[in-house]
């Protein structure tokens, strides 16, 4: 595995205003001055975490997908983040993984946040996604998924990087700051969590706390409260060394989730 350059965007999201969000993110990303392999945006980065899916849902060839393809091409890197997708009469909180050549894959959020009535609006995904980038195996997840370690368990070294995009509120920030290092240590992988900042349309405050934790639980990156566009490297040898020194994953339970 080569070292991987990651750019995270921890930003304020304008409530239910796709045009304004895409314009603002374009402006923020224009300050990137070094080559990056992956740009990570928050959950529902073009609208904020809203249940207004009927008005804001897009198709897979809609405005936001076209914007992501242009950004990926401009920076010659993968761009990822989740948006509301309408497909065959259903709505999904869907993470899009968009490559510079315009090809893409997606992951539909598995665990829908019932406390916020997400499960009454959106359809849950059923399949985990593992994507490859420069020799890294990457597992994308969305916000509430973080609380479910069985779903995210790194069985048979399926992934080297667990990536979580979120709209995680400040009042539960302690949980976020606890669970991300736990996922990194138990799965012997890097974990990157990218959150938003500021109040949403329901006056819920988000403190960001976007972070990167290495396989040994060390902090590579952390930012609270402020907007931030930051590029850092994750090191392939750190994953290999951690697994070689303490081969815990080989002793892990083998299991399957039964629907």
C-alpha atoms as a PDB file:
ATOM      1  CA  UNK A   1       0.000   0.000   0.000  1.00  0.00           C
ATOM      2  CA  UNK A   2       1.255   3.441  -0.879  1.00  0.00           C
ATOM      3  CA  UNK A   3       0.710   6.278   1.589  1.00  0.00           C
ATOM      4  CA  UNK A   4      -2.628   7.944   0.938  1.00  0.00           C
ATOM      5  CA  UNK A   5      -3.274  11.700   0.886  1.00  0.00           C
ATOM      6  CA  UNK A   6      -6.685  12.546   2.353  1.00  0.00           C
ATOM      7  CA  UNK A   7      -8.462  15.916   2.302  1.00  0.00           C
ATOM      8  CA  UNK A   8     -11.332  16.355   4.750  1.00  0.00           C
ATOM      9  CA  UNK A   9     -13.959  19.095   4.587  1.00  0.00           C
ATOM     10  CA  UNK A  10     -15.518  19.985   7.944  1.00  0.00           C
ATOM     11  CA  UNK A  11     -17.968  22.668   6.947  1.00  0.00           C
ATOM     12  CA  UNK A  12     -21.059  24.634   7.799  1.00  0.00           C
ATOM     13  CA  UNK A  13     -24.012  23.369   5.759  1.00  0.00           C
ATOM     14  CA  UNK A  14     -26.718  25.743   4.558  1.00  0.00           C
ATOM     15  CA  UNK A  15     -30.046  24.201   5.458  1.00  0.00           C
ATOM     16  CA  UNK A  16     -31.815  22.574   2.494  1.00  0.00           C
ATOM     17  CA  UNK A  17     -29.969  24.796   0.005  1.00  0.00           C
ATOM     18  CA  UNK A  18     -28.133  22.631  -2.514  1.00  0.00           C
ATOM     19  CA  UNK A  19     -26.931  25.456  -4.746  1.00  0.00           C
ATOM     20  CA  UNK A  20     -25.461  27.453  -1.878  1.00  0.00           C
ATOM     21  CA  UNK A  21     -23.745  24.410  -0.382  1.00  0.00           C
ATOM     22  CA  UNK A  22     -22.154  23.352  -3.656  1.00  0.00           C
ATOM     23  CA  UNK A  23     -20.958  26.907  -4.276  1.00  0.00           C
ATOM     24  CA  UNK A  24     -19.517  27.183  -0.769  1.00  0.00           C
ATOM     25  CA  UNK A  25     -17.773  23.806  -0.900  1.00  0.00           C
ATOM     26  CA  UNK A  26     -16.312  24.639  -4.318  1.00  0.00           C
ATOM     27  CA  UNK A  27     -14.916  27.855  -2.863  1.00  0.00           C
ATOM     28  CA  UNK A  28     -13.452  26.081   0.179  1.00  0.00           C
ATOM     29  CA  UNK A  29     -11.878  23.335  -1.897  1.00  0.00           C
ATOM     30  CA  UNK A  30     -10.296  25.870  -4.248  1.00  0.00           C
ATOM     31  CA  UNK A  31      -7.734  26.523  -1.515  1.00  0.00           C
ATOM     32  CA  UNK A  32      -6.255  23.020  -1.851  1.00  0.00           C
ATOM     33  CA  UNK A  33      -2.653  23.470  -2.961  1.00  0.00           C
ATOM     34  CA  UNK A  34      -1.266  19.937  -2.801  1.00  0.00           C
ATOM     35  CA  UNK A  35      -2.050  16.730  -4.611  1.00  0.00           C
ATOM     36  CA  UNK A  36      -4.661  14.657  -2.824  1.00  0.00           C
ATOM     37  CA  UNK A  37      -6.041  11.178  -3.482  1.00  0.00           C
ATOM     38  CA  UNK A  38      -9.398  11.507  -1.730  1.00  0.00           C
ATOM     39  CA  UNK A  39     -11.722  14.366  -0.719  1.00  0.00           C
ATOM     40  CA  UNK A  40     -14.223  13.440   2.017  1.00  0.00           C
ATOM     41  CA  UNK A  41     -17.383  15.515   2.540  1.00  0.00           C
ATOM     42  CA  UNK A  42     -19.945  15.130   5.383  1.00  0.00           C
ATOM     43  CA  UNK A  43     -23.256  13.282   5.392  1.00  0.00           C
ATOM     44  CA  UNK A  44     -25.920  15.009   3.251  1.00  0.00           C
ATOM     45  CA  UNK A  45     -23.333  17.671   2.442  1.00  0.00           C
ATOM     46  CA  UNK A  46     -25.597  19.431  -0.056  1.00  0.00           C
ATOM     47  CA  UNK A  47     -28.661  19.813   2.191  1.00  0.00           C
ATOM     48  CA  UNK A  48     -27.893  19.062   5.820  1.00  0.00           C
ATOM     49  CA  UNK A  49     -29.485  16.088   7.601  1.00  0.00           C
ATOM     50  CA  UNK A  50     -33.098  16.611   6.592  1.00  0.00           C
ATOM     51  CA  UNK A  51     -36.215  14.475   6.306  1.00  0.00           C
ATOM     52  CA  UNK A  52     -37.496  16.648   3.440  1.00  0.00           C
ATOM     53  CA  UNK A  53     -36.545  13.982   0.914  1.00  0.00           C
ATOM     54  CA  UNK A  54     -39.446  14.540  -1.462  1.00  0.00           C
ATOM     55  CA  UNK A  55     -38.347  18.110  -2.196  1.00  0.00           C
ATOM     56  CA  UNK A  56     -34.586  17.582  -2.076  1.00  0.00           C
ATOM     57  CA  UNK A  57     -33.972  14.079  -3.416  1.00  0.00           C
ATOM     58  CA  UNK A  58     -31.977  13.785  -6.638  1.00  0.00           C
ATOM     59  CA  UNK A  59     -31.376  11.114  -9.236  1.00  0.00           C
ATOM     60  CA  UNK A  60     -28.037   9.437  -9.809  1.00  0.00           C
ATOM     61  CA  UNK A  61     -27.391  11.748 -12.760  1.00  0.00           C
ATOM     62  CA  UNK A  62     -28.629  14.865 -10.975  1.00  0.00           C
ATOM     63  CA  UNK A  63     -27.024  18.191 -10.145  1.00  0.00           C
ATOM     64  CA  UNK A  64     -24.949  17.025  -7.193  1.00  0.00           C
ATOM     65  CA  UNK A  65     -23.585  13.924  -8.940  1.00  0.00           C
ATOM     66  CA  UNK A  66     -22.546  16.081 -11.894  1.00  0.00           C
ATOM     67  CA  UNK A  67     -20.850  18.511  -9.498  1.00  0.00           C
ATOM     68  CA  UNK A  68     -18.982  15.660  -7.788  1.00  0.00           C
ATOM     69  CA  UNK A  69     -17.777  14.357 -11.133  1.00  0.00           C
ATOM     70  CA  UNK A  70     -16.452  17.804 -12.030  1.00  0.00           C
ATOM     71  CA  UNK A  71     -14.665  18.160  -8.682  1.00  0.00           C
ATOM     72  CA  UNK A  72     -13.140  14.686  -9.007  1.00  0.00           C
ATOM     73  CA  UNK A  73     -11.911  15.508 -12.486  1.00  0.00           C
ATOM     74  CA  UNK A  74     -10.562  18.921 -11.435  1.00  0.00           C
ATOM     75  CA  UNK A  75      -8.504  17.562  -8.541  1.00  0.00           C
ATOM     76  CA  UNK A  76      -7.762  14.206 -10.196  1.00  0.00           C
ATOM     77  CA  UNK A  77      -8.925  12.356  -7.090  1.00  0.00           C
ATOM     78  CA  UNK A  78     -11.884  10.481  -5.655  1.00  0.00           C
ATOM     79  CA  UNK A  79     -14.646  12.585  -4.070  1.00  0.00           C
ATOM     80  CA  UNK A  80     -17.064  11.073  -1.570  1.00  0.00           C
ATOM     81  CA  UNK A  81     -19.930  12.087   0.725  1.00  0.00           C
ATOM     82  CA  UNK A  82     -23.623  11.270   1.085  1.00  0.00           C
ATOM     83  CA  UNK A  83     -26.701  12.883  -0.448  1.00  0.00           C
ATOM     84  CA  UNK A  84     -30.432  12.125  -0.775  1.00  0.00           C
ATOM     85  CA  UNK A  85     -31.131   9.875  -3.754  1.00  0.00           C
ATOM     86  CA  UNK A  86     -34.569   9.040  -5.132  1.00  0.00           C
ATOM     87  CA  UNK A  87     -34.715   5.718  -6.959  1.00  0.00           C
ATOM     88  CA  UNK A  88     -37.704   3.632  -8.003  1.00  0.00           C
ATOM     89  CA  UNK A  89     -40.022   5.536  -5.684  1.00  0.00           C
ATOM     90  CA  UNK A  90     -37.757   5.164  -2.629  1.00  0.00           C
ATOM     91  CA  UNK A  91     -35.350   7.525  -0.896  1.00  0.00           C
ATOM     92  CA  UNK A  92     -31.846   6.631   0.230  1.00  0.00           C
ATOM     93  CA  UNK A  93     -29.188   8.340   2.329  1.00  0.00           C
ATOM     94  CA  UNK A  94     -26.542   7.324  -0.200  1.00  0.00           C
ATOM     95  CA  UNK A  95     -22.794   7.747  -0.059  1.00  0.00           C
ATOM     96  CA  UNK A  96     -21.327   8.292  -3.510  1.00  0.00           C
ATOM     97  CA  UNK A  97     -17.761   7.282  -4.359  1.00  0.00           C
ATOM     98  CA  UNK A  98     -16.883   9.260  -7.495  1.00  0.00           C
ATOM     99  CA  UNK A  99     -13.666   8.746  -9.450  1.00  0.00           C
ATOM    100  CA  UNK A 100     -11.887  11.258 -11.728  1.00  0.00           C
ATOM    101  CA  UNK A 101     -13.068   9.394 -14.833  1.00  0.00           C
ATOM    102  CA  UNK A 102     -16.687   9.832 -13.750  1.00  0.00           C
ATOM    103  CA  UNK A 103     -17.286   6.224 -12.732  1.00  0.00           C
ATOM    104  CA  UNK A 104     -18.801   5.692  -9.321  1.00  0.00           C
ATOM    105  CA  UNK A 105     -19.983   3.266  -6.670  1.00  0.00           C
ATOM    106  CA  UNK A 106     -22.343   3.797  -3.770  1.00  0.00           C
ATOM    107  CA  UNK A 107     -23.280   2.698  -0.270  1.00  0.00           C
ATOM    108  CA  UNK A 108     -26.779   3.122   1.190  1.00  0.00           C
ATOM    109  CA  UNK A 109     -26.856   3.866   4.914  1.00  0.00           C
ATOM    110  CA  UNK A 110     -27.552   0.625   6.755  1.00  0.00           C
ATOM    111  CA  UNK A 111     -28.581   1.972  10.181  1.00  0.00           C
ATOM    112  CA  UNK A 112     -31.247   4.668   9.954  1.00  0.00           C
ATOM    113  CA  UNK A 113     -31.580   7.048  12.898  1.00  0.00           C
ATOM    114  CA  UNK A 114     -35.039   6.197  14.256  1.00  0.00           C
ATOM    115  CA  UNK A 115     -34.805   8.881  16.962  1.00  0.00           C
ATOM    116  CA  UNK A 116     -34.817  11.447  14.150  1.00  0.00           C
ATOM    117  CA  UNK A 117     -37.454   9.516  12.134  1.00  0.00           C
ATOM    118  CA  UNK A 118     -34.945   8.766   9.386  1.00  0.00           C
ATOM    119  CA  UNK A 119     -36.314   5.226   9.181  1.00  0.00           C
ATOM    120  CA  UNK A 120     -39.783   6.521   8.275  1.00  0.00           C
ATOM    121  CA  UNK A 121     -38.458   8.453   5.250  1.00  0.00           C
ATOM    122  CA  UNK A 122     -35.484   6.525   3.909  1.00  0.00           C
ATOM    123  CA  UNK A 123     -34.888   2.919   2.912  1.00  0.00           C
ATOM    124  CA  UNK A 124     -32.028   1.121   4.649  1.00  0.00           C
ATOM    125  CA  UNK A 125     -29.171  -0.372   2.691  1.00  0.00           C
ATOM    126  CA  UNK A 126     -28.329  -4.055   2.937  1.00  0.00           C
ATOM    127  CA  UNK A 127     -24.828  -4.310   1.463  1.00  0.00           C
ATOM    128  CA  UNK A 128     -21.456  -3.211   2.781  1.00  0.00           C
ATOM    129  CA  UNK A 129     -19.182  -1.531   0.243  1.00  0.00           C
ATOM    130  CA  UNK A 130     -15.424  -2.051   0.037  1.00  0.00           C
ATOM    131  CA  UNK A 131     -13.617   0.124  -2.504  1.00  0.00           C
ATOM    132  CA  UNK A 132      -9.973   0.162  -3.547  1.00  0.00           C
ATOM    133  CA  UNK A 133      -7.745   3.205  -3.864  1.00  0.00           C
ATOM    134  CA  UNK A 134      -3.973   3.078  -4.421  1.00  0.00           C
ATOM    135  CA  UNK A 135      -3.736  -0.340  -2.832  1.00  0.00           C
ATOM    136  CA  UNK A 136      -5.947   0.570   0.160  1.00  0.00           C
ATOM    137  CA  UNK A 137      -9.185  -1.249   0.870  1.00  0.00           C
ATOM    138  CA  UNK A 138     -11.679   1.302   2.182  1.00  0.00           C
ATOM    139  CA  UNK A 139     -15.016   0.712   3.922  1.00  0.00           C
ATOM    140  CA  UNK A 140     -17.418   3.700   3.820  1.00  0.00           C
ATOM    141  CA  UNK A 141     -20.091   4.155   6.477  1.00  0.00           C
ATOM    142  CA  UNK A 142     -22.561   6.869   7.428  1.00  0.00           C
ATOM    143  CA  UNK A 143     -23.043   8.493  10.853  1.00  0.00           C
ATOM    144  CA  UNK A 144     -25.305   6.214  12.964  1.00  0.00           C
ATOM    145  CA  UNK A 145     -23.520   3.156  11.511  1.00  0.00           C
ATOM    146  CA  UNK A 146     -20.658   4.034  13.871  1.00  0.00           C
ATOM    147  CA  UNK A 147     -22.657   2.676  16.839  1.00  0.00           C
ATOM    148  CA  UNK A 148     -22.897  -0.839  15.370  1.00  0.00           C
ATOM    149  CA  UNK A 149     -19.550  -2.655  15.607  1.00  0.00           C
ATOM    150  CA  UNK A 150     -20.864  -5.947  14.206  1.00  0.00           C
ATOM    151  CA  UNK A 151     -21.741  -4.256  10.898  1.00  0.00           C
ATOM    152  CA  UNK A 152     -18.359  -2.525  10.800  1.00  0.00           C
ATOM    153  CA  UNK A 153     -16.274  -5.485  11.982  1.00  0.00           C
ATOM    154  CA  UNK A 154     -13.134  -5.988   9.897  1.00  0.00           C
ATOM    155  CA  UNK A 155     -13.612  -9.676   9.163  1.00  0.00           C
ATOM    156  CA  UNK A 156     -10.667 -11.309   7.323  1.00  0.00           C
ATOM    157  CA  UNK A 157      -8.900  -7.937   6.969  1.00  0.00           C
ATOM    158  CA  UNK A 158     -11.580  -6.732   4.541  1.00  0.00           C
ATOM    159  CA  UNK A 159     -10.414  -3.130   4.865  1.00  0.00           C
ATOM    160  CA  UNK A 160      -7.487  -0.904   5.871  1.00  0.00           C
ATOM    161  CA  UNK A 161      -9.459   2.319   6.316  1.00  0.00           C
ATOM    162  CA  UNK A 162     -12.924   2.774   7.805  1.00  0.00           C
ATOM    163  CA  UNK A 163     -14.425   6.081   6.702  1.00  0.00           C
ATOM    164  CA  UNK A 164     -17.479   7.651   8.371  1.00  0.00           C
ATOM    165  CA  UNK A 165     -19.309  10.717   7.060  1.00  0.00           C
ATOM    166  CA  UNK A 166     -21.708  12.317   9.516  1.00  0.00           C
ATOM    167  CA  UNK A 167     -24.053  14.994  10.821  1.00  0.00           C
ATOM    168  CA  UNK A 168     -23.302  14.081  14.459  1.00  0.00           C
ATOM    169  CA  UNK A 169     -24.687  16.530  17.059  1.00  0.00           C
ATOM    170  CA  UNK A 170     -22.478  18.153  19.686  1.00  0.00           C
ATOM    171  CA  UNK A 171     -24.622  16.863  22.569  1.00  0.00           C
ATOM    172  CA  UNK A 172     -23.412  13.337  21.739  1.00  0.00           C
ATOM    173  CA  UNK A 173     -19.872  14.329  20.764  1.00  0.00           C
ATOM    174  CA  UNK A 174     -18.378  12.296  23.621  1.00  0.00           C
ATOM    175  CA  UNK A 175     -19.822   9.163  22.028  1.00  0.00           C
ATOM    176  CA  UNK A 176     -18.265  10.112  18.663  1.00  0.00           C
ATOM    177  CA  UNK A 177     -14.873  10.761  20.243  1.00  0.00           C
ATOM    178  CA  UNK A 178     -15.058   7.428  22.084  1.00  0.00           C
ATOM    179  CA  UNK A 179     -16.377   5.152  19.349  1.00  0.00           C
ATOM    180  CA  UNK A 180     -14.022   6.226  16.565  1.00  0.00           C
ATOM    181  CA  UNK A 181     -10.826   5.219  18.444  1.00  0.00           C
ATOM    182  CA  UNK A 182     -12.571   2.005  19.542  1.00  0.00           C
ATOM    183  CA  UNK A 183     -13.347   1.086  15.930  1.00  0.00           C
ATOM    184  CA  UNK A 184      -9.717   1.828  14.957  1.00  0.00           C
ATOM    185  CA  UNK A 185      -8.179  -0.324  17.689  1.00  0.00           C
ATOM    186  CA  UNK A 186     -10.576  -3.270  17.437  1.00  0.00           C
ATOM    187  CA  UNK A 187     -10.319  -3.403  13.633  1.00  0.00           C
ATOM    188  CA  UNK A 188      -6.599  -2.556  13.376  1.00  0.00           C
ATOM    189  CA  UNK A 189      -7.316   0.031  10.706  1.00  0.00           C
ATOM    190  CA  UNK A 190      -7.261   3.764  10.247  1.00  0.00           C
ATOM    191  CA  UNK A 191     -10.615   5.394  10.963  1.00  0.00           C
ATOM    192  CA  UNK A 192     -11.544   8.803   9.562  1.00  0.00           C
ATOM    193  CA  UNK A 193     -14.711  10.556  10.725  1.00  0.00           C
ATOM    194  CA  UNK A 194     -15.844  13.695   8.876  1.00  0.00           C
ATOM    195  CA  UNK A 195     -18.602  15.752  10.486  1.00  0.00           C
ATOM    196  CA  UNK A 196     -20.231  19.147   9.919  1.00  0.00           C
ATOM    197  CA  UNK A 197     -20.204  22.247  12.132  1.00  0.00           C
ATOM    198  CA  UNK A 198     -22.848  24.806  13.142  1.00  0.00           C
ATOM    199  CA  UNK A 199     -26.586  24.752  13.749  1.00  0.00           C
ATOM    200  CA  UNK A 200     -28.921  22.986  11.349  1.00  0.00           C
ATOM    201  CA  UNK A 201     -32.484  23.950  10.475  1.00  0.00           C
ATOM    202  CA  UNK A 202     -33.754  22.295  13.648  1.00  0.00           C
ATOM    203  CA  UNK A 203     -31.347  24.373  15.792  1.00  0.00           C
ATOM    204  CA  UNK A 204     -29.223  21.313  16.560  1.00  0.00           C
ATOM    205  CA  UNK A 205     -25.566  22.310  17.032  1.00  0.00           C
ATOM    206  CA  UNK A 206     -22.726  20.294  15.514  1.00  0.00           C
ATOM    207  CA  UNK A 207     -19.210  20.741  16.880  1.00  0.00           C
ATOM    208  CA  UNK A 208     -17.444  18.869  14.097  1.00  0.00           C
ATOM    209  CA  UNK A 209     -14.790  16.891  15.951  1.00  0.00           C
ATOM    210  CA  UNK A 210     -13.669  15.475  12.604  1.00  0.00           C
ATOM    211  CA  UNK A 211     -10.768  13.153  13.216  1.00  0.00           C
ATOM    212  CA  UNK A 212      -8.366  10.539  11.937  1.00  0.00           C
ATOM    213  CA  UNK A 213      -7.166   7.759  14.254  1.00  0.00           C
ATOM    214  CA  UNK A 214      -4.421   5.280  13.342  1.00  0.00           C
ATOM    215  CA  UNK A 215      -4.602   1.494  14.001  1.00  0.00           C
ATOM    216  CA  UNK A 216      -2.980   1.916  17.419  1.00  0.00           C
ATOM    217  CA  UNK A 217      -5.436   4.582  18.569  1.00  0.00           C
ATOM    218  CA  UNK A 218      -3.170   7.593  17.969  1.00  0.00           C
ATOM    219  CA  UNK A 219      -4.658  10.873  16.752  1.00  0.00           C
ATOM    220  CA  UNK A 220      -3.485  11.894  13.276  1.00  0.00           C
ATOM    221  CA  UNK A 221      -5.964  14.770  12.837  1.00  0.00           C
ATOM    222  CA  UNK A 222      -8.620  16.455  14.967  1.00  0.00           C
ATOM    223  CA  UNK A 223     -10.626  19.663  14.561  1.00  0.00           C
ATOM    224  CA  UNK A 224     -13.498  21.062  16.635  1.00  0.00           C
ATOM    225  CA  UNK A 225     -16.083  23.823  16.056  1.00  0.00           C
ATOM    226  CA  UNK A 226     -14.439  25.522  13.056  1.00  0.00           C
ATOM    227  CA  UNK A 227     -14.749  25.002   9.326  1.00  0.00           C
ATOM    228  CA  UNK A 228     -11.670  23.266   8.018  1.00  0.00           C
ATOM    229  CA  UNK A 229     -10.223  21.935   4.789  1.00  0.00           C
ATOM    230  CA  UNK A 230      -7.168  19.916   5.713  1.00  0.00           C
ATOM    231  CA  UNK A 231      -4.936  17.454   3.876  1.00  0.00           C
ATOM    232  CA  UNK A 232      -2.892  14.792   5.659  1.00  0.00           C
ATOM    233  CA  UNK A 233      -1.311  11.414   4.901  1.00  0.00           C
ATOM    234  CA  UNK A 234      -2.144   7.980   6.230  1.00  0.00           C
ATOM    235  CA  UNK A 235       0.697   5.472   6.226  1.00  0.00           C
ATOM    236  CA  UNK A 236       0.350   2.004   4.748  1.00  0.00           C
ATOM    237  CA  UNK A 237       3.208   0.590   6.809  1.00  0.00           C
ATOM    238  CA  UNK A 238       1.418   1.557  10.042  1.00  0.00           C
ATOM    239  CA  UNK A 239      -1.424  -0.812   9.191  1.00  0.00           C
ATOM    240  CA  UNK A 240       0.963  -3.629   8.288  1.00  0.00           C
ATOM    241  CA  UNK A 241       3.101  -3.123  11.408  1.00  0.00           C
ATOM    242  CA  UNK A 242       0.107  -3.073  13.766  1.00  0.00           C
ATOM    243  CA  UNK A 243      -1.307  -6.298  12.348  1.00  0.00           C
ATOM    244  CA  UNK A 244       2.083  -8.011  12.283  1.00  0.00           C
ATOM    245  CA  UNK A 245       2.980  -7.045  15.856  1.00  0.00           C
ATOM    246  CA  UNK A 246      -0.411  -7.978  17.328  1.00  0.00           C
ATOM    247  CA  UNK A 247      -2.335 -10.260  14.948  1.00  0.00           C
ATOM    248  CA  UNK A 248      -5.646  -9.947  16.801  1.00  0.00           C
ATOM    249  CA  UNK A 249      -7.794 -10.090  13.663  1.00  0.00           C
ATOM    250  CA  UNK A 250      -6.721 -13.681  13.037  1.00  0.00           C
ATOM    251  CA  UNK A 251      -8.405 -14.665  16.309  1.00  0.00           C
ATOM    252  CA  UNK A 252     -11.645 -12.808  15.582  1.00  0.00           C
ATOM    253  CA  UNK A 253     -15.008 -14.575  15.593  1.00  0.00           C
ATOM    254  CA  UNK A 254     -16.371 -15.539  12.185  1.00  0.00           C
ATOM    255  CA  UNK A 255     -20.002 -14.556  11.751  1.00  0.00           C
ATOM    256  CA  UNK A 256     -22.636 -13.410   9.317  1.00  0.00           C
ATOM    257  CA  UNK A 257     -25.485 -10.934   9.795  1.00  0.00           C
ATOM    258  CA  UNK A 258     -28.780 -12.717   9.170  1.00  0.00           C
ATOM    259  CA  UNK A 259     -31.483 -10.495   7.676  1.00  0.00           C
END
